[in-house]
Protein backbone atom coordinates (compact mmCIF):
# COMPACT_ATOMS: atom_id res chain seq x y z
CA UNK A 1 -1.86 -20.12 -7.39
CA UNK A 2 -2.31 -17.66 -10.34
CA UNK A 3 -3.93 -19.26 -13.28
CA UNK A 4 -1.89 -19.74 -16.62
CA UNK A 5 -4.47 -17.21 -18.24
CA UNK A 6 -3.48 -14.45 -15.58
CA UNK A 7 -0.08 -14.59 -16.55
CA UNK A 8 -0.68 -12.07 -19.55
CA UNK A 9 -1.11 -9.41 -17.21
CA UNK A 10 2.15 -10.00 -15.86
CA UNK A 11 3.65 -10.50 -19.17
CA UNK A 12 2.36 -7.10 -20.34
CA UNK A 13 4.09 -4.95 -17.38
CA UNK A 14 7.44 -7.41 -17.93
CA UNK A 15 6.81 -6.05 -21.61
CA UNK A 16 6.53 -2.46 -20.60
CA UNK A 17 9.62 -2.47 -18.62
CA UNK A 18 11.56 -3.92 -21.12
CA UNK A 19 10.29 -1.61 -23.85
CA UNK A 20 10.49 1.59 -21.29
CA UNK A 21 13.55 2.86 -23.40
CA UNK A 22 12.07 2.35 -26.74
CA UNK A 23 8.64 4.51 -25.64
CA UNK A 24 10.74 7.87 -26.09
CA UNK A 25 7.50 10.16 -26.67
CA UNK A 26 3.84 10.64 -25.21
CA UNK A 27 2.44 9.23 -28.67
CA UNK A 28 4.59 5.79 -28.41
CA UNK A 29 3.14 5.60 -25.05
CA UNK A 30 -0.26 6.06 -26.21
CA UNK A 31 0.10 3.46 -29.24
CA UNK A 32 1.67 0.95 -27.07
CA UNK A 33 -1.50 1.08 -24.48
CA UNK A 34 -3.89 1.31 -27.60
CA UNK A 35 -2.49 -2.04 -28.89
CA UNK A 36 -1.06 -4.14 -26.09
CA UNK A 37 -3.47 -3.22 -23.00
CA UNK A 38 -6.36 -3.19 -24.63
CA UNK A 39 -5.83 -6.91 -25.85
CA UNK A 40 -5.82 -8.28 -22.18
CA UNK A 41 -9.47 -7.68 -22.06
CA UNK A 42 -12.17 -10.07 -23.52
CA UNK A 43 -15.20 -8.81 -25.32
CA UNK A 44 -18.01 -8.77 -22.65
CA UNK A 45 -20.80 -9.65 -25.74
CA UNK A 46 -24.20 -8.09 -25.46
CA UNK A 47 -23.09 -4.39 -24.78
CA UNK A 48 -23.29 -1.47 -27.17
CA UNK A 49 -21.14 1.68 -27.13
CA UNK A 50 -21.69 5.01 -28.10
CA UNK A 51 -19.47 8.12 -28.42
CA UNK A 52 -20.99 11.36 -26.46
CA UNK A 53 -19.64 14.72 -25.93
CA UNK A 54 -20.38 15.11 -21.86
CA UNK A 55 -20.03 18.70 -21.48
CA UNK A 56 -16.88 19.24 -23.86
CA UNK A 57 -15.38 16.08 -22.54
CA UNK A 58 -15.30 12.83 -24.72
CA UNK A 59 -17.19 10.09 -23.29
CA UNK A 60 -18.72 6.77 -24.37
CA UNK A 61 -21.78 5.29 -22.99
CA UNK A 62 -21.55 1.41 -22.38
CA UNK A 63 -25.06 -0.17 -22.14
CA UNK A 64 -25.32 -3.96 -21.46
CA UNK A 65 -28.61 -5.57 -23.13
CA UNK A 66 -31.51 -5.00 -20.27
CA UNK A 67 -29.28 -2.99 -18.28
CA UNK A 68 -31.02 -0.66 -15.79
CA UNK A 69 -30.94 2.76 -17.69
CA UNK A 70 -31.67 4.60 -14.25
CA UNK A 71 -28.40 3.33 -12.71
CA UNK A 72 -24.90 4.35 -13.88
CA UNK A 73 -21.16 3.86 -13.21
CA UNK A 74 -19.13 6.77 -13.70
CA UNK A 75 -15.76 5.51 -14.76
CA UNK A 76 -12.43 6.89 -14.63
CA UNK A 77 -10.00 5.01 -16.58
CA UNK A 78 -6.54 4.48 -15.52
CA UNK A 79 -2.98 4.88 -16.97
CA UNK A 80 -0.89 6.74 -15.00
CA UNK A 81 -1.93 10.22 -16.99
CA UNK A 82 0.15 9.02 -19.41
CA UNK A 83 -1.93 6.68 -21.35
CA UNK A 84 -5.15 4.86 -21.28
CA UNK A 85 -8.52 5.61 -22.78
CA UNK A 86 -12.30 5.25 -22.65
CA UNK A 87 -11.01 3.07 -25.55
CA UNK A 88 -8.54 0.92 -24.13
CA UNK A 89 -10.98 0.43 -21.07
CA UNK A 90 -14.13 0.03 -22.73
CA UNK A 91 -14.24 -3.74 -22.72
CA UNK A 92 -13.42 -3.78 -19.01
CA UNK A 93 -16.15 -1.24 -18.02
CA UNK A 94 -18.50 -3.13 -20.36
CA UNK A 95 -17.58 -6.33 -18.12
CA UNK A 96 -18.46 -4.65 -14.80
CA UNK A 97 -21.52 -2.83 -16.34
CA UNK A 98 -22.78 -5.97 -17.62
CA UNK A 99 -22.38 -7.90 -14.33
CA UNK A 100 -23.87 -4.96 -12.19
CA UNK A 101 -26.88 -4.67 -14.71
CA UNK A 102 -26.58 -1.07 -15.39
CA UNK A 103 -25.12 1.49 -17.78
CA UNK A 104 -21.66 3.28 -17.62
CA UNK A 105 -20.49 6.43 -18.61
CA UNK A 106 -16.86 6.07 -18.99
CA UNK A 107 -15.01 9.68 -19.68
CA UNK A 108 -11.69 10.93 -21.13
CA UNK A 109 -9.45 13.72 -19.53
CA UNK A 110 -6.28 15.39 -20.74
CA UNK A 111 -3.17 13.56 -20.15
CA UNK A 112 0.16 14.96 -18.12
CA UNK A 113 1.90 15.85 -21.61
CA UNK A 114 -1.09 17.81 -22.61
CA UNK A 115 -2.23 19.67 -19.39
CA UNK A 116 -1.21 19.43 -15.61
CA UNK A 117 -3.53 18.85 -12.56
CA UNK A 118 -6.26 19.91 -12.29
CA UNK A 119 -7.01 19.75 -15.74
CA UNK A 120 -7.84 16.21 -15.45
CA UNK A 121 -10.16 16.96 -12.38
CA UNK A 122 -11.80 19.73 -14.33
CA UNK A 123 -12.51 17.62 -16.96
CA UNK A 124 -14.09 14.76 -14.49
CA UNK A 125 -16.28 17.42 -13.15
CA UNK A 126 -17.21 18.85 -16.54
CA UNK A 127 -18.60 15.12 -17.29
CA UNK A 128 -20.35 14.65 -13.95
CA UNK A 129 -22.06 18.05 -14.26
CA UNK A 130 -23.34 16.88 -17.77
CA UNK A 131 -24.51 13.40 -16.38
CA UNK A 132 -26.50 14.87 -13.45
CA UNK A 133 -28.00 17.52 -16.17
CA UNK A 134 -29.29 14.28 -18.35
CA UNK A 135 -31.78 13.54 -14.87
CA UNK A 136 -29.55 10.93 -13.59
CA UNK A 137 -30.16 10.56 -10.02
CA UNK A 138 -27.21 11.04 -7.82
CA UNK A 139 -28.13 8.28 -5.64
CA UNK A 140 -28.50 5.73 -8.38
CA UNK A 141 -24.44 6.72 -9.52
CA UNK A 142 -21.63 4.59 -8.31
CA UNK A 143 -18.26 6.10 -9.15
CA UNK A 144 -15.76 3.49 -10.25
CA UNK A 145 -12.03 3.68 -11.61
CA UNK A 146 -8.73 2.09 -11.73
CA UNK A 147 -5.41 3.06 -10.75
CA UNK A 148 -5.13 6.85 -11.36
CA UNK A 149 -8.89 7.08 -11.70
CA UNK A 150 -8.71 6.68 -8.24
CA UNK A 151 -7.42 10.56 -7.87
CA UNK A 152 -10.34 11.84 -10.28
CA UNK A 153 -12.66 9.47 -8.57
CA UNK A 154 -11.90 11.05 -4.90
CA UNK A 155 -11.26 14.42 -6.32
CA UNK A 156 -14.94 14.70 -7.57
CA UNK A 157 -16.02 13.34 -4.24
CA UNK A 158 -14.24 16.02 -2.55
CA UNK A 159 -15.38 18.73 -5.01
CA UNK A 160 -18.90 17.83 -4.81
CA UNK A 161 -18.62 17.97 -0.78
CA UNK A 162 -17.31 21.58 -0.96
CA UNK A 163 -19.87 22.72 -3.19
CA UNK A 164 -22.47 20.96 -0.67
CA UNK A 165 -23.95 18.53 -3.54
CA UNK A 166 -25.65 15.37 -2.96
CA UNK A 167 -22.90 12.33 -3.32
CA UNK A 168 -23.38 9.26 -5.27
CA UNK A 169 -24.29 5.95 -3.71
CA UNK A 170 -20.82 3.94 -3.74
CA UNK A 171 -17.33 4.03 -4.97
CA UNK A 172 -15.42 1.18 -6.78
CA UNK A 173 -11.52 1.26 -6.97
CA UNK A 174 -9.20 -1.24 -8.80
CA UNK A 175 -5.60 -0.91 -7.46
CA UNK A 176 -6.07 2.80 -6.73
CA UNK A 177 -3.07 5.43 -6.50
CA UNK A 178 -3.92 7.22 -3.28
CA UNK A 179 -0.47 8.68 -2.23
CA UNK A 180 1.84 10.69 -4.30
CA UNK A 181 3.89 10.65 -1.62
CA UNK A 182 4.73 7.30 -2.23
CA UNK A 183 4.96 6.03 1.48
CA UNK A 184 3.80 2.56 1.13
CA UNK A 185 6.01 0.19 2.11
CA UNK A 186 5.13 -2.49 -0.64
CA UNK A 187 7.21 -0.42 -3.02
CA UNK A 188 10.17 -2.42 -1.50
CA UNK A 189 8.45 -5.46 -0.29
CA UNK A 190 7.40 -6.02 -3.55
CA UNK A 191 10.10 -4.88 -5.39
CA UNK A 192 10.92 -8.10 -6.90
CA UNK A 193 7.29 -9.21 -7.93
CA UNK A 194 6.26 -5.75 -9.70
CA UNK A 195 8.24 -5.41 -12.86
CA UNK A 196 6.73 -2.13 -13.97
CA UNK A 197 6.21 -0.10 -10.86
CA UNK A 198 9.62 0.60 -9.14
CA UNK A 199 9.05 3.90 -6.83
CA UNK A 200 11.42 5.49 -9.28
CA UNK A 201 9.32 5.18 -12.14
CA UNK A 202 6.14 6.16 -10.20
CA UNK A 203 7.84 8.98 -8.74
CA UNK A 204 8.54 10.33 -12.47
CA UNK A 205 4.91 9.62 -12.62
CA UNK A 206 4.18 11.67 -10.04
CA UNK A 207 6.29 14.71 -11.37
CA UNK A 208 4.95 14.14 -14.89
CA UNK A 209 1.51 14.60 -13.46
CA UNK A 210 1.69 17.40 -10.83
CA UNK A 211 5.05 19.13 -11.39
CA UNK A 212 6.26 20.78 -8.17
CA UNK A 213 2.90 20.64 -6.63
CA UNK A 214 2.61 19.65 -3.01
CA UNK A 215 2.11 15.88 -2.99
CA UNK A 216 0.41 15.80 0.05
CA UNK A 217 -2.76 17.91 -1.52
CA UNK A 218 -5.64 16.08 -0.94
CA UNK A 219 -7.10 16.27 -4.39
CA UNK A 220 -4.12 14.62 -5.99
CA UNK A 221 -3.26 12.46 -2.78
CA UNK A 222 -6.66 11.03 -1.34
CA UNK A 223 -4.88 9.13 1.38
CA UNK A 224 -4.81 12.93 3.02
CA UNK A 225 -8.27 13.70 2.15
CA UNK A 226 -10.95 14.31 5.00
CA UNK A 227 -13.04 11.19 3.89
CA UNK A 228 -15.65 11.65 6.50
CA UNK A 229 -19.26 11.32 5.31
CA UNK A 230 -18.23 9.57 1.93
CA UNK A 231 -20.04 6.59 0.12
CA UNK A 232 -19.45 3.01 0.56
CA UNK A 233 -16.34 1.79 -1.10
CA UNK A 234 -14.95 -1.41 -2.21
CA UNK A 235 -11.36 -1.60 -2.90
CA UNK A 236 -9.63 -4.25 -4.81
CA UNK A 237 -5.76 -4.63 -5.45
CA UNK A 238 -3.22 -7.31 -6.31
CA UNK A 239 -1.04 -8.94 -3.66
CA UNK A 240 2.11 -8.45 -5.63
CA UNK A 241 1.92 -4.88 -6.91
CA UNK A 242 3.77 -2.07 -5.67
CA UNK A 243 1.24 0.08 -4.80
CA UNK A 244 -0.98 -2.77 -2.86
CA UNK A 245 -0.27 -0.83 0.47
CA UNK A 246 -1.66 2.26 -0.63
CA UNK A 247 -5.03 0.77 -0.96
CA UNK A 248 -4.62 -0.90 2.61
CA UNK A 249 -3.70 2.42 4.00
CA UNK A 250 -6.71 4.24 2.41
CA UNK A 251 -9.21 1.48 3.62
CA UNK A 252 -7.68 1.91 7.12
CA UNK A 253 -8.14 5.87 6.65
CA UNK A 254 -11.63 5.37 5.17
CA UNK A 255 -13.00 2.97 8.14
CA UNK A 256 -11.37 5.30 10.77
CA UNK A 257 -13.54 8.47 9.24
CA UNK A 258 -16.63 5.89 9.54
CA UNK A 259 -17.00 4.96 5.99
CA UNK A 260 -18.30 1.69 5.10
CA UNK A 261 -15.44 -0.06 3.52
CA UNK A 262 -14.46 -3.50 1.78
CA UNK A 263 -10.67 -4.44 0.91
CA UNK A 264 -9.95 -7.59 -1.00
CA UNK A 265 -6.44 -8.26 -1.80
CA UNK A 266 -6.18 -10.89 -4.74
CA UNK A 267 -2.97 -13.47 -4.36
CA UNK A 268 -0.22 -13.71 -7.02
CA UNK A 269 -1.98 -10.69 -8.80
CA UNK A 270 -0.44 -7.35 -10.06
CA UNK A 271 -1.80 -4.00 -10.76
CA UNK A 272 -5.49 -3.65 -12.42
CA UNK A 273 -5.29 -7.29 -13.13
CA UNK A 274 -9.15 -7.01 -14.03
CA UNK A 275 -8.20 -5.75 -17.34
CA UNK A 276 -8.02 -9.43 -18.04
CA UNK A 277 -12.00 -9.69 -17.34
CA UNK A 278 -13.18 -12.30 -20.21
CA UNK A 279 -9.87 -14.29 -20.25
CA UNK A 280 -8.55 -14.85 -16.75
CA UNK A 281 -10.71 -16.39 -13.78
CA UNK A 282 -9.21 -14.02 -10.95
CA UNK A 283 -10.48 -10.93 -13.29
CA UNK A 284 -13.89 -12.63 -13.63
CA UNK A 285 -14.15 -13.34 -9.92
CA UNK A 286 -13.11 -9.88 -8.87
CA UNK A 287 -15.49 -8.34 -11.35
CA UNK A 288 -18.65 -10.84 -10.09
CA UNK A 289 -17.47 -9.54 -6.51
CA UNK A 290 -17.84 -5.83 -7.36
CA UNK A 291 -20.96 -6.51 -9.03
CA UNK A 292 -22.84 -8.33 -5.76
CA UNK A 293 -21.44 -5.68 -3.60
CA UNK A 294 -22.61 -2.59 -5.78
CA UNK A 295 -26.10 -3.99 -6.55
CA UNK A 296 -27.81 -3.44 -3.63
CA UNK A 297 -26.19 -0.06 -2.98
CA UNK A 298 -27.54 0.92 -6.26
CA UNK A 299 -31.30 -0.44 -5.66
CA UNK A 300 -30.86 -3.37 -8.07
CA UNK A 301 -31.96 -7.10 -7.40
CA UNK A 302 -29.31 -9.70 -6.71
CA UNK A 303 -27.90 -11.63 -9.75
CA UNK A 304 -29.68 -14.81 -8.93
CA UNK A 305 -33.09 -13.07 -8.38
CA UNK A 306 -32.87 -11.31 -11.54
CA UNK A 307 -31.61 -14.04 -13.81
CA UNK A 308 -34.78 -16.11 -11.85
CA UNK A 309 -37.00 -13.29 -13.00
CA UNK A 310 -35.75 -13.37 -16.39
CA UNK A 311 -36.39 -16.83 -16.69
CA UNK A 312 -40.08 -16.44 -15.61
CA UNK A 313 -40.58 -13.86 -18.03
């Protein structure tokens, strides 16, 4: 049974649906997210934040105390390309980086009303190139993202592979958006459970993002990409969200391509419920699972051994 605390996420999406007709401008949507989405997440504590120009892209260094500076999470925030920012997601990424024990770089990209695809992927690549120019070893980086951040995460991987460049160590995806063709059955099976992501609403988001471009283009729909040779991936999704089958389908495609794949589906949860980190037990559990999986792939000790070492010191 979902916790009482987790209801805040469901209430958030219900409020978005109820206010949809009132949010009539891109700025109104941005302002709503800045106020209401950000409030879902508790402060992680013991984390510093520093703004940086990452190759012309606004970005935020997120640095937990005692973090291993050699390891980095490269984070793409969600928001359907109509909202969200490094600031709405600052605390979520702080929780994740703190649990893993590394730094994180969260980057911005143009929203869809500012520029259509591929402007967002170009920004992601500029931030990636800047990070590599800082001397960070690719093998010490994990890509991470939520919702539409999955588009950019797998866009970056495809660009790197096409350029013959090294790939990162691992990938962490929250409620990934993988299929602009919207073929998942859960749009119908979860229609009454998910108050915000009806097929019609997501269809509008697709058109807003790519216009009349091909919805099966692998750079926007990673479900149709060649996934062979990509790094291990850990996918998380809520059982009640309309997009959950996209994670299921993508996990199956990844396994068929020989990619080490883990998929955890959380009962009673909606889209990007991890935004309640620090407030709801389901979100904290999900972050903990990510961290336990990511640490060895980044060459970090497990949390138990690290805690024992800190006590001994």
